Amino acid sequence: MSSKHCRLYDENLVHNIMISTGLSILEYLREHTNADSDEICEFIELNAGSIIEDTIEQLSVSEEKADREIENSDEEELF
């Protein structure tokens, strides 16, 4: 029987940060074709903060846009 642990994180946020990190690494590798694992790790360490911040900002903008679209559709239904 598996135990359930208290989740102290937003799974969707973690998922999106992982995707953003992967895409950032892919972009780095395209620009640095001969990069070794140490260089990739250094790139991640140096850019982790901005990757996380950018991902959170993108998610926030997406959620705000979705909320506005819902509000607009609700208003249209009233008329």
C-alpha atoms as a PDB file:
ATOM      1  CA  MET A   1       0.000   0.000   0.000  1.00  0.00           C
ATOM      2  CA  SER A   2       1.425   3.374  -0.946  1.00  0.00           C
ATOM      3  CA  SER A   3       1.403   6.243   1.489  1.00  0.00           C
ATOM      4  CA  LYS A   4       0.235   9.701   0.561  1.00  0.00           C
ATOM      5  CA  HIS A   5       2.617  12.516   1.354  1.00  0.00           C
ATOM      6  CA  CYS A   6       1.636  16.092   1.970  1.00  0.00           C
ATOM      7  CA  ARG A   7       2.549  18.002  -1.153  1.00  0.00           C
ATOM      8  CA  LEU A   8       4.282  21.267  -0.410  1.00  0.00           C
ATOM      9  CA  TYR A   9       4.378  22.340  -4.033  1.00  0.00           C
ATOM     10  CA  ASP A  10       2.122  23.038  -6.985  1.00  0.00           C
ATOM     11  CA  GLU A  11       2.543  20.089  -9.359  1.00  0.00           C
ATOM     12  CA  ASN A  12       1.564  22.191 -12.379  1.00  0.00           C
ATOM     13  CA  LEU A  13       4.171  24.810 -11.497  1.00  0.00           C
ATOM     14  CA  VAL A  14       6.896  22.189 -11.027  1.00  0.00           C
ATOM     15  CA  HIS A  15       5.922  20.586 -14.338  1.00  0.00           C
ATOM     16  CA  ASN A  16       6.125  23.918 -16.167  1.00  0.00           C
ATOM     17  CA  ILE A  17       9.460  24.829 -14.571  1.00  0.00           C
ATOM     18  CA  MET A  18      10.875  21.463 -15.663  1.00  0.00           C
ATOM     19  CA  ILE A  19       9.662  22.055 -19.226  1.00  0.00           C
ATOM     20  CA  SER A  20      11.119  25.587 -19.230  1.00  0.00           C
ATOM     21  CA  THR A  21      14.434  24.280 -17.922  1.00  0.00           C
ATOM     22  CA  GLY A  22      14.551  21.597 -20.597  1.00  0.00           C
ATOM     23  CA  LEU A  23      13.822  24.129 -23.327  1.00  0.00           C
ATOM     24  CA  SER A  24      16.495  26.462 -21.943  1.00  0.00           C
ATOM     25  CA  ILE A  25      19.036  23.634 -21.992  1.00  0.00           C
ATOM     26  CA  LEU A  26      18.048  22.767 -25.558  1.00  0.00           C
ATOM     27  CA  GLU A  27      18.558  26.387 -26.612  1.00  0.00           C
ATOM     28  CA  TYR A  28      21.920  26.461 -24.792  1.00  0.00           C
ATOM     29  CA  LEU A  29      23.051  23.265 -26.532  1.00  0.00           C
ATOM     30  CA  ARG A  30      22.086  24.658 -29.929  1.00  0.00           C
ATOM     31  CA  GLU A  31      24.323  27.659 -29.290  1.00  0.00           C
ATOM     32  CA  HIS A  32      27.110  25.641 -27.596  1.00  0.00           C
ATOM     33  CA  THR A  33      27.307  22.388 -29.534  1.00  0.00           C
ATOM     34  CA  ASN A  34      30.456  21.209 -27.760  1.00  0.00           C
ATOM     35  CA  ALA A  35      29.254  21.936 -24.207  1.00  0.00           C
ATOM     36  CA  ASP A  36      30.093  19.295 -21.616  1.00  0.00           C
ATOM     37  CA  SER A  37      27.986  18.349 -18.596  1.00  0.00           C
ATOM     38  CA  ASP A  38      29.846  20.763 -16.285  1.00  0.00           C
ATOM     39  CA  GLU A  39      29.058  23.677 -18.585  1.00  0.00           C
ATOM     40  CA  ILE A  40      25.399  22.651 -18.777  1.00  0.00           C
ATOM     41  CA  CYS A  41      25.169  22.395 -14.979  1.00  0.00           C
ATOM     42  CA  GLU A  42      26.813  25.799 -14.616  1.00  0.00           C
ATOM     43  CA  PHE A  43      24.328  27.257 -17.105  1.00  0.00           C
ATOM     44  CA  ILE A  44      21.420  25.839 -15.087  1.00  0.00           C
ATOM     45  CA  GLU A  45      22.833  27.118 -11.788  1.00  0.00           C
ATOM     46  CA  LEU A  46      23.401  30.595 -13.200  1.00  0.00           C
ATOM     47  CA  ASN A  47      19.986  30.811 -14.852  1.00  0.00           C
ATOM     48  CA  ALA A  48      17.735  28.873 -12.461  1.00  0.00           C
ATOM     49  CA  GLY A  49      16.334  32.015 -10.859  1.00  0.00           C
ATOM     50  CA  SER A  50      15.385  33.654 -14.132  1.00  0.00           C
ATOM     51  CA  ILE A  51      13.950  30.415 -15.542  1.00  0.00           C
ATOM     52  CA  ILE A  52      11.714  30.058 -12.479  1.00  0.00           C
ATOM     53  CA  GLU A  53      10.693  33.739 -12.465  1.00  0.00           C
ATOM     54  CA  ASP A  54       9.942  33.744 -16.196  1.00  0.00           C
ATOM     55  CA  THR A  55       7.878  30.563 -15.891  1.00  0.00           C
ATOM     56  CA  ILE A  56       5.830  31.951 -12.997  1.00  0.00           C
ATOM     57  CA  GLU A  57       5.280  35.200 -14.908  1.00  0.00           C
ATOM     58  CA  GLN A  58       4.145  33.333 -18.029  1.00  0.00           C
ATOM     59  CA  LEU A  59       1.732  31.218 -15.991  1.00  0.00           C
ATOM     60  CA  SER A  60       0.354  34.307 -14.247  1.00  0.00           C
ATOM     61  CA  VAL A  61      -0.222  36.095 -17.549  1.00  0.00           C
ATOM     62  CA  SER A  62      -1.928  33.002 -18.980  1.00  0.00           C
ATOM     63  CA  GLU A  63      -4.203  32.699 -15.946  1.00  0.00           C
ATOM     64  CA  GLU A  64      -5.088  36.407 -16.058  1.00  0.00           C
ATOM     65  CA  LYS A  65      -5.922  36.137 -19.746  1.00  0.00           C
ATOM     66  CA  ALA A  66      -8.109  33.088 -19.131  1.00  0.00           C
ATOM     67  CA  ASP A  67      -9.898  34.887 -16.279  1.00  0.00           C
ATOM     68  CA  ARG A  68     -10.582  37.906 -18.516  1.00  0.00           C
ATOM     69  CA  GLU A  69     -11.924  35.672 -21.278  1.00  0.00           C
ATOM     70  CA  ILE A  70     -14.273  33.998 -18.798  1.00  0.00           C
ATOM     71  CA  GLU A  71     -15.429  37.382 -17.492  1.00  0.00           C
ATOM     72  CA  ASN A  72     -16.026  38.637 -21.035  1.00  0.00           C
ATOM     73  CA  SER A  73     -18.003  35.542 -22.002  1.00  0.00           C
ATOM     74  CA  ASP A  74     -20.090  35.858 -18.818  1.00  0.00           C
ATOM     75  CA  GLU A  75     -20.828  39.504 -19.650  1.00  0.00           C
ATOM     76  CA  GLU A  76     -21.817  38.597 -23.213  1.00  0.00           C
ATOM     77  CA  GLU A  77     -24.271  36.010 -21.904  1.00  0.00           C
ATOM     78  CA  LEU A  78     -26.013  38.717 -19.875  1.00  0.00           C
ATOM     79  CA  PHE A  79     -26.894  40.694 -23.016  1.00  0.00           C
END
